[in-house]
Amino acid sequence: MNGAGQVRIIDGQLLLESAADYCPQPPTHAVLLGVVGTVHQWAVRDEFLTDAPMESAGIEFGDLRSHGAFFDAVDAERYLTAQALLMWQDESHFCAKDGAPMTITSGGWTRVCTACGREEYPRTDPAIICLVHDGADRVLLARHAAWPARNFSTLAGFVEAGESLESCVAREIAEEVGLVVSDVAYVGSQPWPFPRSLMLGFHAVANPREPLIFSDGEICEAVWCSRAEVKEALAAGDWASSVDAPVLLPGKVSIARRMLEAWVRTAG
């Protein structure tokens, strides 16, 4: 995996290569992804593979956003684990207690301080993502200020210290679009390595007659869409599409799209 989180892919699948082609044993900073039969599967940063050709016939580089829709469940888990652990290794070289260097242990799953022996574990940042609907046939789609025109999704935000997930949903929706929500319900989760999040999906109900207020500057546009309009947007493609549609939705790899697809299938 290179520094941009890209991996080698062939025919839509992760390319697993023999470590013996590069070095006699895993590099110090390699992380263990798992064991399949008698085969140990490791991930390393791109710089450890400098003797390998970077390009070959049929081989390309991609990440979860570009190729995730083609990954099966096993490849998706391999990618997500590698991205999370390697990013953590990149950012965690010194002990938070005394500043001494850390040593990688447990196949890359822990780090131990060389001075005090303190153990550290990979960090995961919980974030909520919420499909806000009116309890009937309309759902709220929003566009972040940094996104291109026509790119919409559901609302999301990080969980703050001391905050429950349900409280986070209510706070984020109020801050981003000025709505009060009720009937907050958990629907599923997704690890999301941008940068190291665990996305926790929720549904919530809001009143579409209430004004939308973009007070914190994150959201610049939001619109209530009918079930038919969302279905049409899903059929049009995703953010990568060049189709001339008023609303483009996230790709198939995202929990946002899966929640919208499930909502469209319901009877209202």
C-alpha atoms as a PDB file:
ATOM      1  CA  MET A   1       0.000   0.000   0.000  1.00  0.00           C
ATOM      2  CA  ASN A   2       1.443   3.365  -0.955  1.00  0.00           C
ATOM      3  CA  GLY A   3       1.273   6.561   1.056  1.00  0.00           C
ATOM      4  CA  ALA A   4      -1.984   7.576  -0.627  1.00  0.00           C
ATOM      5  CA  GLY A   5      -3.698   4.383   0.532  1.00  0.00           C
ATOM      6  CA  GLN A   6      -3.567   2.832  -2.926  1.00  0.00           C
ATOM      7  CA  VAL A   7      -2.950  -0.868  -3.472  1.00  0.00           C
ATOM      8  CA  ARG A   8      -2.143  -3.068  -6.443  1.00  0.00           C
ATOM      9  CA  ILE A   9      -5.281  -4.370  -8.121  1.00  0.00           C
ATOM     10  CA  ILE A  10      -5.775  -6.838 -10.943  1.00  0.00           C
ATOM     11  CA  ASP A  11      -9.157  -7.742 -12.427  1.00  0.00           C
ATOM     12  CA  GLY A  12     -10.908  -5.842  -9.640  1.00  0.00           C
ATOM     13  CA  GLN A  13      -9.224  -7.831  -6.857  1.00  0.00           C
ATOM     14  CA  LEU A  14      -6.373  -7.081  -4.487  1.00  0.00           C
ATOM     15  CA  LEU A  15      -3.088  -8.402  -5.844  1.00  0.00           C
ATOM     16  CA  LEU A  16      -1.447 -10.590  -3.186  1.00  0.00           C
ATOM     17  CA  GLU A  17       2.240 -11.110  -3.893  1.00  0.00           C
ATOM     18  CA  SER A  18       4.792 -13.428  -2.342  1.00  0.00           C
ATOM     19  CA  ALA A  19       6.883 -11.683   0.304  1.00  0.00           C
ATOM     20  CA  ALA A  20       9.784 -13.939  -0.637  1.00  0.00           C
ATOM     21  CA  ASP A  21      10.041 -12.030  -3.902  1.00  0.00           C
ATOM     22  CA  TYR A  22      11.034  -8.916  -1.957  1.00  0.00           C
ATOM     23  CA  CYS A  23      12.652  -9.888   1.345  1.00  0.00           C
ATOM     24  CA  PRO A  24      13.382 -13.011   3.435  1.00  0.00           C
ATOM     25  CA  GLN A  25      11.087 -11.925   6.273  1.00  0.00           C
ATOM     26  CA  PRO A  26       8.417  -9.248   6.859  1.00  0.00           C
ATOM     27  CA  PRO A  27       9.856  -5.747   7.344  1.00  0.00           C
ATOM     28  CA  THR A  28       9.745  -4.310  10.848  1.00  0.00           C
ATOM     29  CA  HIS A  29       6.767  -2.110  10.038  1.00  0.00           C
ATOM     30  CA  ALA A  30       4.699  -4.793   8.295  1.00  0.00           C
ATOM     31  CA  VAL A  31       1.271  -5.517   9.774  1.00  0.00           C
ATOM     32  CA  LEU A  32      -0.321  -8.941   9.960  1.00  0.00           C
ATOM     33  CA  LEU A  33      -3.713  -9.082   8.253  1.00  0.00           C
ATOM     34  CA  GLY A  34      -4.441 -12.718   9.054  1.00  0.00           C
ATOM     35  CA  VAL A  35      -3.618 -16.333   8.313  1.00  0.00           C
ATOM     36  CA  VAL A  36      -5.328 -18.282   5.536  1.00  0.00           C
ATOM     37  CA  GLY A  37      -4.475 -21.962   5.872  1.00  0.00           C
ATOM     38  CA  THR A  38      -0.723 -21.873   6.393  1.00  0.00           C
ATOM     39  CA  VAL A  39      -0.219 -18.568   4.574  1.00  0.00           C
ATOM     40  CA  HIS A  40       0.442 -15.436   6.618  1.00  0.00           C
ATOM     41  CA  GLN A  41      -0.875 -12.313   4.902  1.00  0.00           C
ATOM     42  CA  TRP A  42       0.926  -9.051   5.621  1.00  0.00           C
ATOM     43  CA  ALA A  43       0.614  -5.459   4.486  1.00  0.00           C
ATOM     44  CA  VAL A  44       3.526  -3.069   4.063  1.00  0.00           C
ATOM     45  CA  ARG A  45       4.014   0.481   2.933  1.00  0.00           C
ATOM     46  CA  ASP A  46       5.054   0.947  -0.675  1.00  0.00           C
ATOM     47  CA  GLU A  47       8.653   1.890   0.188  1.00  0.00           C
ATOM     48  CA  PHE A  48       9.397  -1.657   1.344  1.00  0.00           C
ATOM     49  CA  LEU A  49       8.725  -2.909  -2.185  1.00  0.00           C
ATOM     50  CA  THR A  50      11.241  -0.736  -4.011  1.00  0.00           C
ATOM     51  CA  ASP A  51      12.745  -3.739  -5.822  1.00  0.00           C
ATOM     52  CA  ALA A  52       9.382  -4.638  -7.343  1.00  0.00           C
ATOM     53  CA  PRO A  53       8.131  -3.126 -10.595  1.00  0.00           C
ATOM     54  CA  MET A  54       5.474  -0.514  -9.925  1.00  0.00           C
ATOM     55  CA  GLU A  55       3.581  -1.218 -13.123  1.00  0.00           C
ATOM     56  CA  SER A  56       2.839  -4.407 -14.984  1.00  0.00           C
ATOM     57  CA  ALA A  57       0.365  -5.581 -17.578  1.00  0.00           C
ATOM     58  CA  GLY A  58      -3.132  -5.500 -16.156  1.00  0.00           C
ATOM     59  CA  ILE A  59      -2.019  -4.152 -12.774  1.00  0.00           C
ATOM     60  CA  GLU A  60      -3.245  -0.781 -11.544  1.00  0.00           C
ATOM     61  CA  PHE A  61      -3.330   1.214  -8.328  1.00  0.00           C
ATOM     62  CA  GLY A  62      -6.592   2.034  -6.599  1.00  0.00           C
ATOM     63  CA  ASP A  63      -8.205   2.558  -3.224  1.00  0.00           C
ATOM     64  CA  LEU A  64     -11.533   1.944  -1.532  1.00  0.00           C
ATOM     65  CA  ARG A  65     -13.197   4.874  -3.272  1.00  0.00           C
ATOM     66  CA  SER A  66     -12.045   3.956  -6.764  1.00  0.00           C
ATOM     67  CA  HIS A  67     -12.304   0.160  -6.633  1.00  0.00           C
ATOM     68  CA  GLY A  68     -14.182  -0.697  -3.445  1.00  0.00           C
ATOM     69  CA  ALA A  69     -17.358  -1.514  -5.352  1.00  0.00           C
ATOM     70  CA  PHE A  70     -15.492  -4.420  -6.984  1.00  0.00           C
ATOM     71  CA  PHE A  71     -13.945  -5.822  -3.786  1.00  0.00           C
ATOM     72  CA  ASP A  72     -15.530  -8.874  -2.217  1.00  0.00           C
ATOM     73  CA  ALA A  73     -16.012  -8.946   1.568  1.00  0.00           C
ATOM     74  CA  VAL A  74     -12.598 -10.535   2.165  1.00  0.00           C
ATOM     75  CA  ASP A  75     -10.700  -8.018   0.033  1.00  0.00           C
ATOM     76  CA  ALA A  76     -12.615  -5.128   1.593  1.00  0.00           C
ATOM     77  CA  GLU A  77     -11.654  -6.292   5.088  1.00  0.00           C
ATOM     78  CA  ARG A  78      -8.024  -6.774   4.042  1.00  0.00           C
ATOM     79  CA  TYR A  79      -7.891  -3.277   2.605  1.00  0.00           C
ATOM     80  CA  LEU A  80      -9.589  -1.614   5.571  1.00  0.00           C
ATOM     81  CA  THR A  81      -7.369  -3.406   8.091  1.00  0.00           C
ATOM     82  CA  ALA A  82      -4.202  -2.552   6.183  1.00  0.00           C
ATOM     83  CA  GLN A  83      -5.159   1.094   5.784  1.00  0.00           C
ATOM     84  CA  ALA A  84      -6.092   1.498   9.444  1.00  0.00           C
ATOM     85  CA  LEU A  85      -2.986  -0.192  10.855  1.00  0.00           C
ATOM     86  CA  LEU A  86      -0.478   1.339   8.451  1.00  0.00           C
ATOM     87  CA  MET A  87      -1.863   4.831   8.983  1.00  0.00           C
ATOM     88  CA  TRP A  88      -1.670   4.310  12.740  1.00  0.00           C
ATOM     89  CA  GLN A  89       1.945   3.158  12.406  1.00  0.00           C
ATOM     90  CA  ASP A  90       2.746   6.229  10.298  1.00  0.00           C
ATOM     91  CA  GLU A  91       1.461   8.583  12.990  1.00  0.00           C
ATOM     92  CA  SER A  92       2.427   6.861  16.259  1.00  0.00           C
ATOM     93  CA  HIS A  93       6.205   6.787  16.650  1.00  0.00           C
ATOM     94  CA  PHE A  94       6.572   8.111  20.199  1.00  0.00           C
ATOM     95  CA  CYS A  95       5.010   7.384  23.572  1.00  0.00           C
ATOM     96  CA  ALA A  96       2.254   9.795  24.592  1.00  0.00           C
ATOM     97  CA  LYS A  97       3.384   9.513  28.222  1.00  0.00           C
ATOM     98  CA  ASP A  98       7.132  10.204  28.083  1.00  0.00           C
ATOM     99  CA  GLY A  99       7.993  10.818  24.425  1.00  0.00           C
ATOM    100  CA  ALA A 100      10.277   7.794  24.097  1.00  0.00           C
ATOM    101  CA  PRO A 101      10.331   5.782  20.859  1.00  0.00           C
ATOM    102  CA  MET A 102       7.768   3.005  20.451  1.00  0.00           C
ATOM    103  CA  THR A 103       8.453  -0.544  19.259  1.00  0.00           C
ATOM    104  CA  ILE A 104       5.972  -2.341  17.010  1.00  0.00           C
ATOM    105  CA  THR A 105       4.687  -5.603  18.494  1.00  0.00           C
ATOM    106  CA  SER A 106       1.954  -8.199  17.938  1.00  0.00           C
ATOM    107  CA  GLY A 107       2.309  -8.138  14.183  1.00  0.00           C
ATOM    108  CA  GLY A 108       1.669  -4.409  13.999  1.00  0.00           C
ATOM    109  CA  TRP A 109      -1.395  -4.414  16.252  1.00  0.00           C
ATOM    110  CA  THR A 110       0.302  -2.818  19.289  1.00  0.00           C
ATOM    111  CA  ARG A 111       3.203  -0.508  20.056  1.00  0.00           C
ATOM    112  CA  VAL A 112       5.247  -0.620  23.268  1.00  0.00           C
ATOM    113  CA  CYS A 113       7.216   2.245  24.763  1.00  0.00           C
ATOM    114  CA  THR A 114      10.944   1.467  24.955  1.00  0.00           C
ATOM    115  CA  ALA A 115      11.233   3.432  28.211  1.00  0.00           C
ATOM    116  CA  CYS A 116       8.136   2.820  30.360  1.00  0.00           C
ATOM    117  CA  GLY A 117       6.649  -0.256  28.684  1.00  0.00           C
ATOM    118  CA  ARG A 118       3.311   1.437  28.039  1.00  0.00           C
ATOM    119  CA  GLU A 119       1.214  -0.281  25.342  1.00  0.00           C
ATOM    120  CA  GLU A 120      -0.763   1.623  22.728  1.00  0.00           C
ATOM    121  CA  TYR A 121      -3.438   0.282  20.412  1.00  0.00           C
ATOM    122  CA  PRO A 122      -4.796   1.447  17.046  1.00  0.00           C
ATOM    123  CA  ARG A 123      -7.092   4.446  17.212  1.00  0.00           C
ATOM    124  CA  THR A 124     -10.598   4.446  15.753  1.00  0.00           C
ATOM    125  CA  ASP A 125     -12.708   7.614  15.609  1.00  0.00           C
ATOM    126  CA  PRO A 126     -16.475   6.987  15.883  1.00  0.00           C
ATOM    127  CA  ALA A 127     -18.691   9.088  13.649  1.00  0.00           C
ATOM    128  CA  ILE A 128     -22.424   9.064  13.045  1.00  0.00           C
ATOM    129  CA  ILE A 129     -24.063   9.200   9.640  1.00  0.00           C
ATOM    130  CA  CYS A 130     -27.788   9.815   9.620  1.00  0.00           C
ATOM    131  CA  LEU A 131     -30.558   9.470   7.080  1.00  0.00           C
ATOM    132  CA  VAL A 132     -33.060  12.151   8.079  1.00  0.00           C
ATOM    133  CA  HIS A 133     -36.576  11.579   6.744  1.00  0.00           C
ATOM    134  CA  ASP A 134     -40.046  12.950   7.399  1.00  0.00           C
ATOM    135  CA  GLY A 135     -41.555   9.664   8.536  1.00  0.00           C
ATOM    136  CA  ALA A 136     -43.273   9.253   5.183  1.00  0.00           C
ATOM    137  CA  ASP A 137     -41.970   9.809   1.661  1.00  0.00           C
ATOM    138  CA  ARG A 138     -39.207  12.424   1.855  1.00  0.00           C
ATOM    139  CA  VAL A 139     -35.563  12.336   2.853  1.00  0.00           C
ATOM    140  CA  LEU A 140     -33.102  15.168   3.466  1.00  0.00           C
ATOM    141  CA  LEU A 141     -30.004  15.296   1.263  1.00  0.00           C
ATOM    142  CA  ALA A 142     -27.213  17.775   1.910  1.00  0.00           C
ATOM    143  CA  ARG A 143     -24.118  19.106   0.164  1.00  0.00           C
ATOM    144  CA  HIS A 144     -20.946  19.880   2.062  1.00  0.00           C
ATOM    145  CA  ALA A 145     -19.383  23.242   1.292  1.00  0.00           C
ATOM    146  CA  ALA A 146     -16.250  21.536  -0.037  1.00  0.00           C
ATOM    147  CA  TRP A 147     -18.114  19.275  -2.473  1.00  0.00           C
ATOM    148  CA  PRO A 148     -18.797  20.000  -6.143  1.00  0.00           C
ATOM    149  CA  ALA A 149     -22.245  21.130  -7.195  1.00  0.00           C
ATOM    150  CA  ARG A 150     -24.842  18.327  -7.407  1.00  0.00           C
ATOM    151  CA  ASN A 151     -22.922  16.028  -5.005  1.00  0.00           C
ATOM    152  CA  PHE A 152     -25.283  15.230  -2.136  1.00  0.00           C
ATOM    153  CA  SER A 153     -25.334  12.731   0.709  1.00  0.00           C
ATOM    154  CA  THR A 154     -26.743  12.107   4.156  1.00  0.00           C
ATOM    155  CA  LEU A 155     -25.512  14.080   7.175  1.00  0.00           C
ATOM    156  CA  ALA A 156     -22.551  12.947   9.264  1.00  0.00           C
ATOM    157  CA  GLY A 157     -20.227  14.061  12.038  1.00  0.00           C
ATOM    158  CA  PHE A 158     -17.761  12.883  14.661  1.00  0.00           C
ATOM    159  CA  VAL A 159     -18.812  11.808  18.143  1.00  0.00           C
ATOM    160  CA  GLU A 160     -17.496  14.157  20.828  1.00  0.00           C
ATOM    161  CA  ALA A 161     -16.006  13.151  24.180  1.00  0.00           C
ATOM    162  CA  GLY A 162     -18.652  12.173  26.730  1.00  0.00           C
ATOM    163  CA  GLU A 163     -21.399  12.079  24.101  1.00  0.00           C
ATOM    164  CA  SER A 164     -23.768   9.210  23.365  1.00  0.00           C
ATOM    165  CA  LEU A 165     -24.361   8.237  19.753  1.00  0.00           C
ATOM    166  CA  GLU A 166     -27.982   9.363  19.947  1.00  0.00           C
ATOM    167  CA  SER A 167     -26.969  12.729  21.387  1.00  0.00           C
ATOM    168  CA  CYS A 168     -24.404  13.099  18.626  1.00  0.00           C
ATOM    169  CA  VAL A 169     -27.082  12.531  15.978  1.00  0.00           C
ATOM    170  CA  ALA A 170     -29.299  15.221  17.494  1.00  0.00           C
ATOM    171  CA  ARG A 171     -26.427  17.694  17.896  1.00  0.00           C
ATOM    172  CA  GLU A 172     -24.967  17.201  14.413  1.00  0.00           C
ATOM    173  CA  ILE A 173     -28.319  17.582  12.660  1.00  0.00           C
ATOM    174  CA  ALA A 174     -29.102  20.707  14.682  1.00  0.00           C
ATOM    175  CA  GLU A 175     -25.671  22.224  14.001  1.00  0.00           C
ATOM    176  CA  GLU A 176     -25.547  21.406  10.312  1.00  0.00           C
ATOM    177  CA  VAL A 177     -29.111  22.103   9.151  1.00  0.00           C
ATOM    178  CA  GLY A 178     -30.946  23.535  12.186  1.00  0.00           C
ATOM    179  CA  LEU A 179     -33.483  20.710  12.552  1.00  0.00           C
ATOM    180  CA  VAL A 180     -34.689  18.958  15.696  1.00  0.00           C
ATOM    181  CA  VAL A 181     -34.894  15.188  15.198  1.00  0.00           C
ATOM    182  CA  SER A 182     -36.794  12.409  16.931  1.00  0.00           C
ATOM    183  CA  ASP A 183     -37.082   8.622  16.678  1.00  0.00           C
ATOM    184  CA  VAL A 184     -33.331   8.132  16.357  1.00  0.00           C
ATOM    185  CA  ALA A 185     -32.661   4.489  15.420  1.00  0.00           C
ATOM    186  CA  TYR A 186     -29.426   2.609  14.714  1.00  0.00           C
ATOM    187  CA  VAL A 187     -29.275   0.771  11.368  1.00  0.00           C
ATOM    188  CA  GLY A 188     -25.692  -0.425  10.798  1.00  0.00           C
ATOM    189  CA  SER A 189     -22.001   0.438  10.636  1.00  0.00           C
ATOM    190  CA  GLN A 190     -19.039   0.638   8.287  1.00  0.00           C
ATOM    191  CA  PRO A 191     -15.302   1.062   8.858  1.00  0.00           C
ATOM    192  CA  TRP A 192     -14.169   4.055   6.823  1.00  0.00           C
ATOM    193  CA  PRO A 193     -10.414   4.687   6.535  1.00  0.00           C
ATOM    194  CA  PHE A 194     -10.655   8.388   5.667  1.00  0.00           C
ATOM    195  CA  PRO A 195      -8.871   8.871   7.913  1.00  0.00           C
ATOM    196  CA  ARG A 196      -9.684   6.191  10.556  1.00  0.00           C
ATOM    197  CA  SER A 197     -13.409   6.310  11.258  1.00  0.00           C
ATOM    198  CA  LEU A 198     -16.073   3.841  12.207  1.00  0.00           C
ATOM    199  CA  MET A 199     -19.270   5.127  10.623  1.00  0.00           C
ATOM    200  CA  LEU A 200     -22.367   4.353  12.710  1.00  0.00           C
ATOM    201  CA  GLY A 201     -25.538   4.645  10.659  1.00  0.00           C
ATOM    202  CA  PHE A 202     -28.834   5.992  11.982  1.00  0.00           C
ATOM    203  CA  HIS A 203     -32.285   7.012  10.839  1.00  0.00           C
ATOM    204  CA  ALA A 204     -34.040  10.000  12.403  1.00  0.00           C
ATOM    205  CA  VAL A 205     -37.269  11.891  11.781  1.00  0.00           C
ATOM    206  CA  ALA A 206     -37.535  15.657  11.253  1.00  0.00           C
ATOM    207  CA  ASN A 207     -40.238  18.087  10.189  1.00  0.00           C
ATOM    208  CA  PRO A 208     -39.732  19.213   6.553  1.00  0.00           C
ATOM    209  CA  ARG A 209     -41.791  22.345   7.236  1.00  0.00           C
ATOM    210  CA  GLU A 210     -39.109  23.675   9.579  1.00  0.00           C
ATOM    211  CA  PRO A 211     -36.563  26.053   8.013  1.00  0.00           C
ATOM    212  CA  LEU A 212     -33.095  24.753   7.146  1.00  0.00           C
ATOM    213  CA  ILE A 213     -30.357  26.769   8.855  1.00  0.00           C
ATOM    214  CA  PHE A 214     -26.709  26.254   7.887  1.00  0.00           C
ATOM    215  CA  SER A 215     -25.133  27.766  10.976  1.00  0.00           C
ATOM    216  CA  ASP A 216     -21.770  26.006  11.245  1.00  0.00           C
ATOM    217  CA  GLY A 217     -20.678  26.504   7.636  1.00  0.00           C
ATOM    218  CA  GLU A 218     -20.159  22.817   6.844  1.00  0.00           C
ATOM    219  CA  ILE A 219     -23.337  22.450   4.800  1.00  0.00           C
ATOM    220  CA  CYS A 220     -24.059  24.929   2.021  1.00  0.00           C
ATOM    221  CA  GLU A 221     -27.142  23.330   0.470  1.00  0.00           C
ATOM    222  CA  ALA A 222     -29.821  20.831   1.491  1.00  0.00           C
ATOM    223  CA  VAL A 223     -33.014  19.627  -0.108  1.00  0.00           C
ATOM    224  CA  TRP A 224     -35.925  17.368   0.774  1.00  0.00           C
ATOM    225  CA  CYS A 225     -36.347  14.695  -1.913  1.00  0.00           C
ATOM    226  CA  SER A 226     -39.165  12.256  -2.518  1.00  0.00           C
ATOM    227  CA  ARG A 227     -38.642   8.521  -2.673  1.00  0.00           C
ATOM    228  CA  ALA A 228     -39.070   8.662  -6.456  1.00  0.00           C
ATOM    229  CA  GLU A 229     -36.449  11.411  -6.755  1.00  0.00           C
ATOM    230  CA  VAL A 230     -33.946   9.449  -4.665  1.00  0.00           C
ATOM    231  CA  LYS A 231     -34.607   6.343  -6.740  1.00  0.00           C
ATOM    232  CA  GLU A 232     -33.927   8.349  -9.892  1.00  0.00           C
ATOM    233  CA  ALA A 233     -30.701   9.756  -8.429  1.00  0.00           C
ATOM    234  CA  LEU A 234     -29.507   6.271  -7.463  1.00  0.00           C
ATOM    235  CA  ALA A 235     -30.155   5.062 -10.996  1.00  0.00           C
ATOM    236  CA  ALA A 236     -28.232   8.012 -12.463  1.00  0.00           C
ATOM    237  CA  GLY A 237     -24.940   6.766 -11.029  1.00  0.00           C
ATOM    238  CA  ASP A 238     -22.774   8.342  -8.341  1.00  0.00           C
ATOM    239  CA  TRP A 239     -20.391  11.214  -7.662  1.00  0.00           C
ATOM    240  CA  ALA A 240     -18.046   9.959 -10.374  1.00  0.00           C
ATOM    241  CA  SER A 241     -20.768  10.071 -13.023  1.00  0.00           C
ATOM    242  CA  SER A 242     -20.752  12.646 -15.792  1.00  0.00           C
ATOM    243  CA  VAL A 243     -24.502  12.351 -16.286  1.00  0.00           C
ATOM    244  CA  ASP A 244     -26.457  15.614 -16.268  1.00  0.00           C
ATOM    245  CA  ALA A 245     -28.578  14.996 -13.161  1.00  0.00           C
ATOM    246  CA  PRO A 246     -29.648  17.521 -10.494  1.00  0.00           C
ATOM    247  CA  VAL A 247     -28.533  15.221  -7.661  1.00  0.00           C
ATOM    248  CA  LEU A 248     -25.617  12.769  -7.578  1.00  0.00           C
ATOM    249  CA  LEU A 249     -25.229  10.383  -4.628  1.00  0.00           C
ATOM    250  CA  PRO A 250     -22.204   8.591  -3.079  1.00  0.00           C
ATOM    251  CA  GLY A 251     -20.843   5.403  -4.626  1.00  0.00           C
ATOM    252  CA  LYS A 252     -21.796   1.835  -3.826  1.00  0.00           C
ATOM    253  CA  VAL A 253     -18.973   1.378  -1.346  1.00  0.00           C
ATOM    254  CA  SER A 254     -20.440   3.901   1.125  1.00  0.00           C
ATOM    255  CA  ILE A 255     -22.922   3.235   3.908  1.00  0.00           C
ATOM    256  CA  ALA A 256     -24.731   6.435   2.882  1.00  0.00           C
ATOM    257  CA  ARG A 257     -25.733   4.898  -0.434  1.00  0.00           C
ATOM    258  CA  ARG A 258     -26.730   1.605   1.185  1.00  0.00           C
ATOM    259  CA  MET A 259     -28.987   3.426   3.646  1.00  0.00           C
ATOM    260  CA  LEU A 260     -30.609   5.385   0.834  1.00  0.00           C
ATOM    261  CA  GLU A 261     -31.113   2.231  -1.234  1.00  0.00           C
ATOM    262  CA  ALA A 262     -32.747   0.500   1.732  1.00  0.00           C
ATOM    263  CA  TRP A 263     -34.980   3.518   2.408  1.00  0.00           C
ATOM    264  CA  VAL A 264     -36.118   3.601  -1.230  1.00  0.00           C
ATOM    265  CA  ARG A 265     -37.144  -0.055  -0.969  1.00  0.00           C
ATOM    266  CA  THR A 266     -39.392   0.581   2.030  1.00  0.00           C
ATOM    267  CA  ALA A 267     -43.069   1.339   1.604  1.00  0.00           C
ATOM    268  CA  GLY A 268     -42.948   4.676   3.343  1.00  0.00           C
END
